[in-house]
């Protein structure tokens, strides 16, 4: 698992509550993890799409609804396609180096 930490941005994903159905919001990064603590879970091996995005404190995952264009927390289930995410660009090496520097390796 690889932690999501914006290197060059001031806004982070945030959840108002750590429960099923909670919407994902954008909020100023506070650096204390908690409600902003997300991590990638690989489905087909490390550094390969697709991935799941886990909200670590609640042990739930991001799920998207195409019809409503909403993203929310749901129980993690690798068989649910609405929880599979594809990234155009992921800087895997930079992310791993950053994790190591912060002692976040999982």
PDB file of N, CA and C in Angstrom:
ATOM      1  N   UNK A   1       0.845  -1.162   0.000  1.00  0.00           N
ATOM      2  CA  UNK A   1       0.000   0.000   0.000  1.00  0.00           C
ATOM      3  C   UNK A   1       0.893   1.228   0.000  1.00  0.00           C
ATOM      4  N   UNK A   2       0.485   2.233  -0.755  1.00  0.00           N
ATOM      5  CA  UNK A   2       1.256   3.464  -0.861  1.00  0.00           C
ATOM      6  C   UNK A   2       0.386   4.642  -0.424  1.00  0.00           C
ATOM      7  N   UNK A   3       0.898   5.459   0.465  1.00  0.00           N
ATOM      8  CA  UNK A   3       0.124   6.578   0.981  1.00  0.00           C
ATOM      9  C   UNK A   3       0.027   7.698  -0.040  1.00  0.00           C
ATOM     10  N   UNK A   4      -1.104   8.364  -0.086  1.00  0.00           N
ATOM     11  CA  UNK A   4      -1.321   9.490  -0.986  1.00  0.00           C
ATOM     12  C   UNK A   4      -0.980  10.755  -0.219  1.00  0.00           C
ATOM     13  N   UNK A   5      -0.008  11.482  -0.733  1.00  0.00           N
ATOM     14  CA  UNK A   5       0.442  12.701  -0.075  1.00  0.00           C
ATOM     15  C   UNK A   5       0.782  13.704  -1.163  1.00  0.00           C
ATOM     16  N   UNK A   6       0.020  14.795  -1.291  1.00  0.00           N
ATOM     17  CA  UNK A   6       0.325  15.761  -2.347  1.00  0.00           C
ATOM     18  C   UNK A   6       1.657  16.450  -2.084  1.00  0.00           C
ATOM     19  N   UNK A   7       2.554  16.355  -3.049  1.00  0.00           N
ATOM     20  CA  UNK A   7       3.878  16.939  -2.866  1.00  0.00           C
ATOM     21  C   UNK A   7       3.889  18.441  -3.131  1.00  0.00           C
ATOM     22  N   UNK A   8       3.091  18.883  -4.095  1.00  0.00           N
ATOM     23  CA  UNK A   8       3.164  20.282  -4.509  1.00  0.00           C
ATOM     24  C   UNK A   8       1.819  20.993  -4.439  1.00  0.00           C
ATOM     25  N   UNK A   9       0.894  20.487  -3.663  1.00  0.00           N
ATOM     26  CA  UNK A   9      -0.432  21.100  -3.592  1.00  0.00           C
ATOM     27  C   UNK A   9      -0.782  21.435  -2.147  1.00  0.00           C
ATOM     28  N   UNK A  10      -1.680  22.390  -2.001  1.00  0.00           N
ATOM     29  CA  UNK A  10      -2.101  22.783  -0.653  1.00  0.00           C
ATOM     30  C   UNK A  10      -3.465  22.207  -0.283  1.00  0.00           C
ATOM     31  N   UNK A  11      -4.168  21.604  -1.260  1.00  0.00           N
ATOM     32  CA  UNK A  11      -5.471  21.002  -0.995  1.00  0.00           C
ATOM     33  C   UNK A  11      -5.367  19.487  -0.959  1.00  0.00           C
ATOM     34  N   UNK A  12      -6.119  18.868  -0.053  1.00  0.00           N
ATOM     35  CA  UNK A  12      -6.124  17.414   0.105  1.00  0.00           C
ATOM     36  C   UNK A  12      -7.552  16.887   0.055  1.00  0.00           C
ATOM     37  N   UNK A  13      -7.680  15.592  -0.209  1.00  0.00           N
ATOM     38  CA  UNK A  13      -8.977  14.938  -0.050  1.00  0.00           C
ATOM     39  C   UNK A  13      -9.283  14.896   1.433  1.00  0.00           C
ATOM     40  N   UNK A  14     -10.532  15.054   1.758  1.00  0.00           N
ATOM     41  CA  UNK A  14     -10.955  15.104   3.153  1.00  0.00           C
ATOM     42  C   UNK A  14     -12.353  14.504   3.241  1.00  0.00           C
ATOM     43  N   UNK A  15     -12.675  13.913   4.367  1.00  0.00           N
ATOM     44  CA  UNK A  15     -14.033  13.406   4.596  1.00  0.00           C
ATOM     45  C   UNK A  15     -14.588  14.049   5.870  1.00  0.00           C
ATOM     46  N   UNK A  16     -15.843  14.516   5.832  1.00  0.00           N
ATOM     47  CA  UNK A  16     -16.418  15.140   7.022  1.00  0.00           C
ATOM     48  C   UNK A  16     -16.658  14.145   8.150  1.00  0.00           C
ATOM     49  N   UNK A  17     -16.871  12.876   7.788  1.00  0.00           N
ATOM     50  CA  UNK A  17     -17.033  11.818   8.790  1.00  0.00           C
ATOM     51  C   UNK A  17     -16.531  10.519   8.168  1.00  0.00           C
ATOM     52  N   UNK A  18     -16.023   9.638   8.982  1.00  0.00           N
ATOM     53  CA  UNK A  18     -15.449   8.377   8.493  1.00  0.00           C
ATOM     54  C   UNK A  18     -16.496   7.274   8.505  1.00  0.00           C
ATOM     55  N   UNK A  19     -17.526   7.432   7.692  1.00  0.00           N
ATOM     56  CA  UNK A  19     -18.569   6.415   7.640  1.00  0.00           C
ATOM     57  C   UNK A  19     -19.025   6.194   6.203  1.00  0.00           C
ATOM     58  N   UNK A  20     -19.651   5.064   5.975  1.00  0.00           N
ATOM     59  CA  UNK A  20     -20.132   4.700   4.647  1.00  0.00           C
ATOM     60  C   UNK A  20     -21.009   5.820   4.074  1.00  0.00           C
ATOM     61  N   UNK A  21     -20.758   6.143   2.824  1.00  0.00           N
ATOM     62  CA  UNK A  21     -21.529   7.165   2.141  1.00  0.00           C
ATOM     63  C   UNK A  21     -21.019   8.580   2.328  1.00  0.00           C
ATOM     64  N   UNK A  22     -20.020   8.752   3.174  1.00  0.00           N
ATOM     65  CA  UNK A  22     -19.475  10.087   3.404  1.00  0.00           C
ATOM     66  C   UNK A  22     -18.857  10.616   2.113  1.00  0.00           C
ATOM     67  N   UNK A  23     -19.179  11.844   1.716  1.00  0.00           N
ATOM     68  CA  UNK A  23     -18.623  12.397   0.484  1.00  0.00           C
ATOM     69  C   UNK A  23     -17.142  12.750   0.643  1.00  0.00           C
ATOM     70  N   UNK A  24     -16.443  12.787  -0.476  1.00  0.00           N
ATOM     71  CA  UNK A  24     -15.039  13.188  -0.493  1.00  0.00           C
ATOM     72  C   UNK A  24     -15.003  14.671  -0.856  1.00  0.00           C
ATOM     73  N   UNK A  25     -14.350  15.456  -0.037  1.00  0.00           N
ATOM     74  CA  UNK A  25     -14.258  16.892  -0.244  1.00  0.00           C
ATOM     75  C   UNK A  25     -12.803  17.293  -0.459  1.00  0.00           C
ATOM     76  N   UNK A  26     -12.601  18.507  -0.924  1.00  0.00           N
ATOM     77  CA  UNK A  26     -11.260  19.071  -1.036  1.00  0.00           C
ATOM     78  C   UNK A  26     -11.138  20.123   0.060  1.00  0.00           C
ATOM     79  N   UNK A  27     -10.055  20.023   0.850  1.00  0.00           N
ATOM     80  CA  UNK A  27      -9.881  20.906   1.999  1.00  0.00           C
ATOM     81  C   UNK A  27      -8.387  21.190   2.151  1.00  0.00           C
ATOM     82  N   UNK A  28      -8.055  22.262   2.797  1.00  0.00           N
ATOM     83  CA  UNK A  28      -6.643  22.600   3.015  1.00  0.00           C
ATOM     84  C   UNK A  28      -5.928  21.463   3.751  1.00  0.00           C
ATOM     85  N   UNK A  29      -4.767  21.078   3.258  1.00  0.00           N
ATOM     86  CA  UNK A  29      -3.986  20.003   3.887  1.00  0.00           C
ATOM     87  C   UNK A  29      -3.542  20.442   5.282  1.00  0.00           C
ATOM     88  N   UNK A  30      -3.719  19.545   6.258  1.00  0.00           N
ATOM     89  CA  UNK A  30      -3.281  19.874   7.614  1.00  0.00           C
ATOM     90  C   UNK A  30      -2.124  18.991   8.078  1.00  0.00           C
ATOM     91  N   UNK A  31      -1.785  17.944   7.311  1.00  0.00           N
ATOM     92  CA  UNK A  31      -0.614  17.127   7.610  1.00  0.00           C
ATOM     93  C   UNK A  31      -0.744  16.185   8.787  1.00  0.00           C
ATOM     94  N   UNK A  32      -1.935  16.045   9.350  1.00  0.00           N
ATOM     95  CA  UNK A  32      -2.112  15.186  10.515  1.00  0.00           C
ATOM     96  C   UNK A  32      -2.791  13.866  10.173  1.00  0.00           C
ATOM     97  N   UNK A  33      -2.882  13.556   8.888  1.00  0.00           N
ATOM     98  CA  UNK A  33      -3.531  12.338   8.392  1.00  0.00           C
ATOM     99  C   UNK A  33      -4.991  12.333   8.814  1.00  0.00           C
ATOM    100  N   UNK A  34      -5.407  11.446   9.707  1.00  0.00           N
ATOM    101  CA  UNK A  34      -6.803  11.402  10.146  1.00  0.00           C
ATOM    102  C   UNK A  34      -7.770  11.355   8.986  1.00  0.00           C
ATOM    103  N   UNK A  35      -8.676  12.319   8.921  1.00  0.00           N
ATOM    104  CA  UNK A  35      -9.692  12.328   7.874  1.00  0.00           C
ATOM    105  C   UNK A  35      -9.116  12.602   6.487  1.00  0.00           C
ATOM    106  N   UNK A  36      -7.833  12.934   6.385  1.00  0.00           N
ATOM    107  CA  UNK A  36      -7.170  13.143   5.094  1.00  0.00           C
ATOM    108  C   UNK A  36      -6.193  12.008   4.760  1.00  0.00           C
ATOM    109  N   UNK A  37      -6.283  10.904   5.462  1.00  0.00           N
ATOM    110  CA  UNK A  37      -5.324   9.805   5.312  1.00  0.00           C
ATOM    111  C   UNK A  37      -5.851   8.769   4.319  1.00  0.00           C
ATOM    112  N   UNK A  38      -5.328   8.816   3.096  1.00  0.00           N
ATOM    113  CA  UNK A  38      -5.704   7.892   2.030  1.00  0.00           C
ATOM    114  C   UNK A  38      -4.474   7.138   1.550  1.00  0.00           C
ATOM    115  N   UNK A  39      -4.677   5.944   1.029  1.00  0.00           N
ATOM    116  CA  UNK A  39      -3.572   5.129   0.516  1.00  0.00           C
ATOM    117  C   UNK A  39      -4.045   4.350  -0.705  1.00  0.00           C
ATOM    118  N   UNK A  40      -3.105   4.032  -1.590  1.00  0.00           N
ATOM    119  CA  UNK A  40      -3.405   3.204  -2.764  1.00  0.00           C
ATOM    120  C   UNK A  40      -3.303   1.736  -2.406  1.00  0.00           C
ATOM    121  N   UNK A  41      -4.221   0.939  -2.929  1.00  0.00           N
ATOM    122  CA  UNK A  41      -4.157  -0.530  -2.837  1.00  0.00           C
ATOM    123  C   UNK A  41      -4.102  -1.055  -4.261  1.00  0.00           C
ATOM    124  N   UNK A  42      -3.031  -1.768  -4.580  1.00  0.00           N
ATOM    125  CA  UNK A  42      -2.893  -2.292  -5.930  1.00  0.00           C
ATOM    126  C   UNK A  42      -3.720  -3.549  -6.097  1.00  0.00           C
ATOM    127  N   UNK A  43      -4.334  -3.679  -7.260  1.00  0.00           N
ATOM    128  CA  UNK A  43      -5.165  -4.844  -7.556  1.00  0.00           C
ATOM    129  C   UNK A  43      -4.412  -5.890  -8.362  1.00  0.00           C
ATOM    130  N   UNK A  44      -3.450  -5.454  -9.182  1.00  0.00           N
ATOM    131  CA  UNK A  44      -2.752  -6.377 -10.078  1.00  0.00           C
ATOM    132  C   UNK A  44      -1.246  -6.287  -9.932  1.00  0.00           C
ATOM    133  N   UNK A  45      -0.783  -5.954  -8.774  1.00  0.00           N
ATOM    134  CA  UNK A  45       0.651  -5.826  -8.565  1.00  0.00           C
ATOM    135  C   UNK A  45       1.038  -4.375  -8.368  1.00  0.00           C
ATOM    136  N   UNK A  46       2.149  -4.165  -7.719  1.00  0.00           N
ATOM    137  CA  UNK A  46       2.621  -2.822  -7.401  1.00  0.00           C
ATOM    138  C   UNK A  46       2.934  -2.049  -8.678  1.00  0.00           C
ATOM    139  N   UNK A  47       2.620  -0.768  -8.672  1.00  0.00           N
ATOM    140  CA  UNK A  47       2.921   0.162  -9.765  1.00  0.00           C
ATOM    141  C   UNK A  47       2.103  -0.085 -11.026  1.00  0.00           C
ATOM    142  N   UNK A  48       0.950  -0.752 -10.902  1.00  0.00           N
ATOM    143  CA  UNK A  48       0.138  -1.079 -12.076  1.00  0.00           C
ATOM    144  C   UNK A  48      -1.306  -0.636 -11.829  1.00  0.00           C
ATOM    145  N   UNK A  49      -1.917  -0.023 -12.840  1.00  0.00           N
ATOM    146  CA  UNK A  49      -3.350   0.274 -12.789  1.00  0.00           C
ATOM    147  C   UNK A  49      -4.140  -0.997 -13.005  1.00  0.00           C
ATOM    148  N   UNK A  50      -5.341  -1.124 -12.502  1.00  0.00           N
ATOM    149  CA  UNK A  50      -6.061  -0.173 -11.670  1.00  0.00           C
ATOM    150  C   UNK A  50      -5.654  -0.307 -10.209  1.00  0.00           C
ATOM    151  N   UNK A  51      -6.061   0.708  -9.435  1.00  0.00           N
ATOM    152  CA  UNK A  51      -5.819   0.705  -7.993  1.00  0.00           C
ATOM    153  C   UNK A  51      -7.136   0.967  -7.269  1.00  0.00           C
ATOM    154  N   UNK A  52      -7.138   0.650  -5.989  1.00  0.00           N
ATOM    155  CA  UNK A  52      -8.232   1.073  -5.119  1.00  0.00           C
ATOM    156  C   UNK A  52      -7.661   2.162  -4.225  1.00  0.00           C
ATOM    157  N   UNK A  53      -8.503   3.085  -3.780  1.00  0.00           N
ATOM    158  CA  UNK A  53      -8.063   4.167  -2.911  1.00  0.00           C
ATOM    159  C   UNK A  53      -8.740   3.978  -1.562  1.00  0.00           C
ATOM    160  N   UNK A  54      -7.926   3.690  -0.561  1.00  0.00           N
ATOM    161  CA  UNK A  54      -8.433   3.347   0.769  1.00  0.00           C
ATOM    162  C   UNK A  54      -8.346   4.543   1.713  1.00  0.00           C
ATOM    163  N   UNK A  55      -9.425   4.789   2.444  1.00  0.00           N
ATOM    164  CA  UNK A  55      -9.404   5.763   3.536  1.00  0.00           C
ATOM    165  C   UNK A  55      -8.951   4.976   4.756  1.00  0.00           C
ATOM    166  N   UNK A  56      -7.728   5.178   5.171  1.00  0.00           N
ATOM    167  CA  UNK A  56      -7.079   4.329   6.164  1.00  0.00           C
ATOM    168  C   UNK A  56      -7.806   4.294   7.516  1.00  0.00           C
ATOM    169  N   UNK A  57      -8.178   5.436   8.115  1.00  0.00           N
ATOM    170  CA  UNK A  57      -8.804   5.373   9.445  1.00  0.00           C
ATOM    171  C   UNK A  57     -10.111   4.580   9.491  1.00  0.00           C
ATOM    172  N   UNK A  58     -10.919   4.666   8.436  1.00  0.00           N
ATOM    173  CA  UNK A  58     -12.221   3.992   8.445  1.00  0.00           C
ATOM    174  C   UNK A  58     -12.185   2.632   7.764  1.00  0.00           C
ATOM    175  N   UNK A  59     -11.042   2.286   7.150  1.00  0.00           N
ATOM    176  CA  UNK A  59     -10.904   1.023   6.425  1.00  0.00           C
ATOM    177  C   UNK A  59     -11.987   0.890   5.351  1.00  0.00           C
ATOM    178  N   UNK A  60     -12.309   2.013   4.699  1.00  0.00           N
ATOM    179  CA  UNK A  60     -13.258   2.032   3.593  1.00  0.00           C
ATOM    180  C   UNK A  60     -12.524   2.494   2.344  1.00  0.00           C
ATOM    181  N   UNK A  61     -13.200   2.409   1.193  1.00  0.00           N
ATOM    182  CA  UNK A  61     -12.568   2.787  -0.068  1.00  0.00           C
ATOM    183  C   UNK A  61     -13.407   3.812  -0.820  1.00  0.00           C
ATOM    184  N   UNK A  62     -12.746   4.539  -1.716  1.00  0.00           N
ATOM    185  CA  UNK A  62     -13.459   5.487  -2.552  1.00  0.00           C
ATOM    186  C   UNK A  62     -14.238   4.732  -3.614  1.00  0.00           C
ATOM    187  N   UNK A  63     -15.489   5.111  -3.756  1.00  0.00           N
ATOM    188  CA  UNK A  63     -16.354   4.524  -4.775  1.00  0.00           C
ATOM    189  C   UNK A  63     -16.990   5.675  -5.537  1.00  0.00           C
ATOM    190  N   UNK A  64     -17.104   5.523  -6.842  1.00  0.00           N
ATOM    191  CA  UNK A  64     -17.688   6.570  -7.665  1.00  0.00           C
ATOM    192  C   UNK A  64     -19.005   6.138  -8.270  1.00  0.00           C
ATOM    193  N   UNK A  65     -19.912   7.078  -8.398  1.00  0.00           N
ATOM    194  CA  UNK A  65     -21.201   6.839  -9.040  1.00  0.00           C
ATOM    195  C   UNK A  65     -21.247   7.701 -10.292  1.00  0.00           C
ATOM    196  N   UNK A  66     -21.182   7.067 -11.456  1.00  0.00           N
ATOM    197  CA  UNK A  66     -21.142   7.791 -12.721  1.00  0.00           C
ATOM    198  C   UNK A  66     -22.420   8.594 -12.931  1.00  0.00           C
ATOM    199  N   UNK A  67     -23.566   8.046 -12.551  1.00  0.00           N
ATOM    200  CA  UNK A  67     -24.850   8.723 -12.762  1.00  0.00           C
ATOM    201  C   UNK A  67     -24.945  10.036 -11.985  1.00  0.00           C
ATOM    202  N   UNK A  68     -24.472  10.040 -10.751  1.00  0.00           N
ATOM    203  CA  UNK A  68     -24.575  11.248  -9.915  1.00  0.00           C
ATOM    204  C   UNK A  68     -23.293  12.073  -9.913  1.00  0.00           C
ATOM    205  N   UNK A  69     -22.218  11.507 -10.490  1.00  0.00           N
ATOM    206  CA  UNK A  69     -20.904  12.162 -10.515  1.00  0.00           C
ATOM    207  C   UNK A  69     -20.395  12.452  -9.101  1.00  0.00           C
ATOM    208  N   UNK A  70     -20.683  11.547  -8.160  1.00  0.00           N
ATOM    209  CA  UNK A  70     -20.259  11.710  -6.769  1.00  0.00           C
ATOM    210  C   UNK A  70     -19.238  10.638  -6.406  1.00  0.00           C
ATOM    211  N   UNK A  71     -18.346  10.989  -5.494  1.00  0.00           N
ATOM    212  CA  UNK A  71     -17.372  10.057  -4.935  1.00  0.00           C
ATOM    213  C   UNK A  71     -17.614  10.027  -3.434  1.00  0.00           C
ATOM    214  N   UNK A  72     -17.625   8.821  -2.866  1.00  0.00           N
ATOM    215  CA  UNK A  72     -17.964   8.654  -1.458  1.00  0.00           C
ATOM    216  C   UNK A  72     -17.244   7.438  -0.898  1.00  0.00           C
ATOM    217  N   UNK A  73     -17.303   7.247   0.420  1.00  0.00           N
ATOM    218  CA  UNK A  73     -16.703   6.087   1.075  1.00  0.00           C
ATOM    219  C   UNK A  73     -17.668   4.906   1.046  1.00  0.00           C
ATOM    220  N   UNK A  74     -17.119   3.715   0.827  1.00  0.00           N
ATOM    221  CA  UNK A  74     -17.907   2.477   0.823  1.00  0.00           C
ATOM    222  C   UNK A  74     -17.010   1.349   1.333  1.00  0.00           C
ATOM    223  N   UNK A  75     -17.612   0.258   1.829  1.00  0.00           N
ATOM    224  CA  UNK A  75     -16.789  -0.884   2.244  1.00  0.00           C
ATOM    225  C   UNK A  75     -15.911  -1.345   1.076  1.00  0.00           C
ATOM    226  N   UNK A  76     -14.642  -1.587   1.334  1.00  0.00           N
ATOM    227  CA  UNK A  76     -13.721  -2.016   0.275  1.00  0.00           C
ATOM    228  C   UNK A  76     -14.147  -3.366  -0.278  1.00  0.00           C
ATOM    229  N   UNK A  77     -14.241  -3.436  -1.602  1.00  0.00           N
ATOM    230  CA  UNK A  77     -14.623  -4.676  -2.276  1.00  0.00           C
ATOM    231  C   UNK A  77     -13.983  -4.664  -3.658  1.00  0.00           C
ATOM    232  N   UNK A  78     -12.943  -5.458  -3.841  1.00  0.00           N
ATOM    233  CA  UNK A  78     -12.192  -5.475  -5.099  1.00  0.00           C
ATOM    234  C   UNK A  78     -13.044  -5.895  -6.291  1.00  0.00           C
ATOM    235  N   UNK A  79     -14.188  -6.528  -6.059  1.00  0.00           N
ATOM    236  CA  UNK A  79     -15.052  -6.946  -7.170  1.00  0.00           C
ATOM    237  C   UNK A  79     -15.964  -5.815  -7.656  1.00  0.00           C
ATOM    238  N   UNK A  80     -15.996  -4.701  -6.942  1.00  0.00           N
ATOM    239  CA  UNK A  80     -16.837  -3.561  -7.329  1.00  0.00           C
ATOM    240  C   UNK A  80     -16.037  -2.653  -8.266  1.00  0.00           C
ATOM    241  N   UNK A  81     -16.434  -2.623  -9.531  1.00  0.00           N
ATOM    242  CA  UNK A  81     -15.702  -1.830 -10.524  1.00  0.00           C
ATOM    243  C   UNK A  81     -15.710  -0.333 -10.206  1.00  0.00           C
ATOM    244  N   UNK A  82     -16.719   0.138  -9.498  1.00  0.00           N
ATOM    245  CA  UNK A  82     -16.806   1.559  -9.138  1.00  0.00           C
ATOM    246  C   UNK A  82     -15.729   1.954  -8.126  1.00  0.00           C
ATOM    247  N   UNK A  83     -14.973   0.959  -7.636  1.00  0.00           N
ATOM    248  CA  UNK A  83     -13.858   1.230  -6.725  1.00  0.00           C
ATOM    249  C   UNK A  83     -12.506   1.060  -7.413  1.00  0.00           C
ATOM    250  N   UNK A  84     -12.508   0.813  -8.715  1.00  0.00           N
ATOM    251  CA  UNK A  84     -11.263   0.670  -9.478  1.00  0.00           C
ATOM    252  C   UNK A  84     -10.931   2.022 -10.095  1.00  0.00           C
ATOM    253  N   UNK A  85      -9.727   2.494  -9.841  1.00  0.00           N
ATOM    254  CA  UNK A  85      -9.300   3.804 -10.320  1.00  0.00           C
ATOM    255  C   UNK A  85      -8.064   3.651 -11.194  1.00  0.00           C
ATOM    256  N   UNK A  86      -8.029   4.416 -12.280  1.00  0.00           N
ATOM    257  CA  UNK A  86      -6.893   4.426 -13.206  1.00  0.00           C
ATOM    258  C   UNK A  86      -6.278   5.819 -13.187  1.00  0.00           C
ATOM    259  N   UNK A  87      -4.963   5.859 -13.039  1.00  0.00           N
ATOM    260  CA  UNK A  87      -4.236   7.119 -12.998  1.00  0.00           C
ATOM    261  C   UNK A  87      -3.528   7.323 -14.327  1.00  0.00           C
ATOM    262  N   UNK A  88      -3.629   8.538 -14.880  1.00  0.00           N
ATOM    263  CA  UNK A  88      -2.886   8.855 -16.094  1.00  0.00           C
ATOM    264  C   UNK A  88      -1.394   8.890 -15.796  1.00  0.00           C
ATOM    265  N   UNK A  89      -1.035   9.532 -14.704  1.00  0.00           N
ATOM    266  CA  UNK A  89       0.366   9.657 -14.320  1.00  0.00           C
ATOM    267  C   UNK A  89       0.493   9.453 -12.817  1.00  0.00           C
ATOM    268  N   UNK A  90       1.289   8.498 -12.453  1.00  0.00           N
ATOM    269  CA  UNK A  90       1.632   8.325 -11.043  1.00  0.00           C
ATOM    270  C   UNK A  90       3.150   8.302 -10.970  1.00  0.00           C
ATOM    271  N   UNK A  91       3.679   9.121 -10.141  1.00  0.00           N
ATOM    272  CA  UNK A  91       5.126   9.181  -9.988  1.00  0.00           C
ATOM    273  C   UNK A  91       5.525   8.190  -8.904  1.00  0.00           C
ATOM    274  N   UNK A  92       5.513   6.892  -9.290  1.00  0.00           N
ATOM    275  CA  UNK A  92       5.739   5.811  -8.332  1.00  0.00           C
ATOM    276  C   UNK A  92       7.062   5.969  -7.590  1.00  0.00           C
ATOM    277  N   UNK A  93       8.132   6.206  -8.339  1.00  0.00           N
ATOM    278  CA  UNK A  93       9.451   6.285  -7.693  1.00  0.00           C
ATOM    279  C   UNK A  93       9.527   7.468  -6.733  1.00  0.00           C
ATOM    280  N   UNK A  94       8.984   8.609  -7.155  1.00  0.00           N
ATOM    281  CA  UNK A  94       8.990   9.787  -6.293  1.00  0.00           C
ATOM    282  C   UNK A  94       8.130   9.536  -5.053  1.00  0.00           C
ATOM    283  N   UNK A  95       6.992   8.887  -5.239  1.00  0.00           N
ATOM    284  CA  UNK A  95       6.101   8.590  -4.108  1.00  0.00           C
ATOM    285  C   UNK A  95       6.785   7.650  -3.119  1.00  0.00           C
ATOM    286  N   UNK A  96       7.441   6.612  -3.632  1.00  0.00           N
ATOM    287  CA  UNK A  96       8.119   5.659  -2.746  1.00  0.00           C
ATOM    288  C   UNK A  96       9.263   6.332  -1.985  1.00  0.00           C
ATOM    289  N   UNK A  97      10.007   7.199  -2.671  1.00  0.00           N
ATOM    290  CA  UNK A  97      11.098   7.917  -2.015  1.00  0.00           C
ATOM    291  C   UNK A  97      10.534   8.819  -0.914  1.00  0.00           C
ATOM    292  N   UNK A  98       9.441   9.501  -1.214  1.00  0.00           N
ATOM    293  CA  UNK A  98       8.806  10.391  -0.239  1.00  0.00           C
ATOM    294  C   UNK A  98       8.315   9.600   0.974  1.00  0.00           C
ATOM    295  N   UNK A  99       7.695   8.436   0.733  1.00  0.00           N
ATOM    296  CA  UNK A  99       7.233   7.573   1.831  1.00  0.00           C
ATOM    297  C   UNK A  99       8.399   7.158   2.724  1.00  0.00           C
ATOM    298  N   UNK A 100       9.508   6.788   2.080  1.00  0.00           N
ATOM    299  CA  UNK A 100      10.672   6.340   2.837  1.00  0.00           C
ATOM    300  C   UNK A 100      11.207   7.478   3.706  1.00  0.00           C
ATOM    301  N   UNK A 101      11.260   8.683   3.133  1.00  0.00           N
ATOM    302  CA  UNK A 101      11.742   9.839   3.891  1.00  0.00           C
ATOM    303  C   UNK A 101      10.848  10.135   5.096  1.00  0.00           C
ATOM    304  N   UNK A 102       9.552   9.895   4.943  1.00  0.00           N
ATOM    305  CA  UNK A 102       8.600  10.171   6.028  1.00  0.00           C
ATOM    306  C   UNK A 102       8.368   8.958   6.919  1.00  0.00           C
ATOM    307  N   UNK A 103       9.069   7.863   6.626  1.00  0.00           N
ATOM    308  CA  UNK A 103       8.924   6.609   7.382  1.00  0.00           C
ATOM    309  C   UNK A 103       7.487   6.090   7.339  1.00  0.00           C
ATOM    310  N   UNK A 104       6.888   6.096   6.133  1.00  0.00           N
ATOM    311  CA  UNK A 104       5.500   5.667   5.962  1.00  0.00           C
ATOM    312  C   UNK A 104       5.371   4.348   5.224  1.00  0.00           C
ATOM    313  N   UNK A 105       6.457   3.686   4.919  1.00  0.00           N
ATOM    314  CA  UNK A 105       6.365   2.455   4.142  1.00  0.00           C
ATOM    315  C   UNK A 105       5.405   1.489   4.821  1.00  0.00           C
ATOM    316  N   UNK A 106       4.560   0.875   3.990  1.00  0.00           N
ATOM    317  CA  UNK A 106       3.595  -0.102   4.528  1.00  0.00           C
ATOM    318  C   UNK A 106       4.105  -1.506   4.333  1.00  0.00           C
TER     319      UNK A 106
END
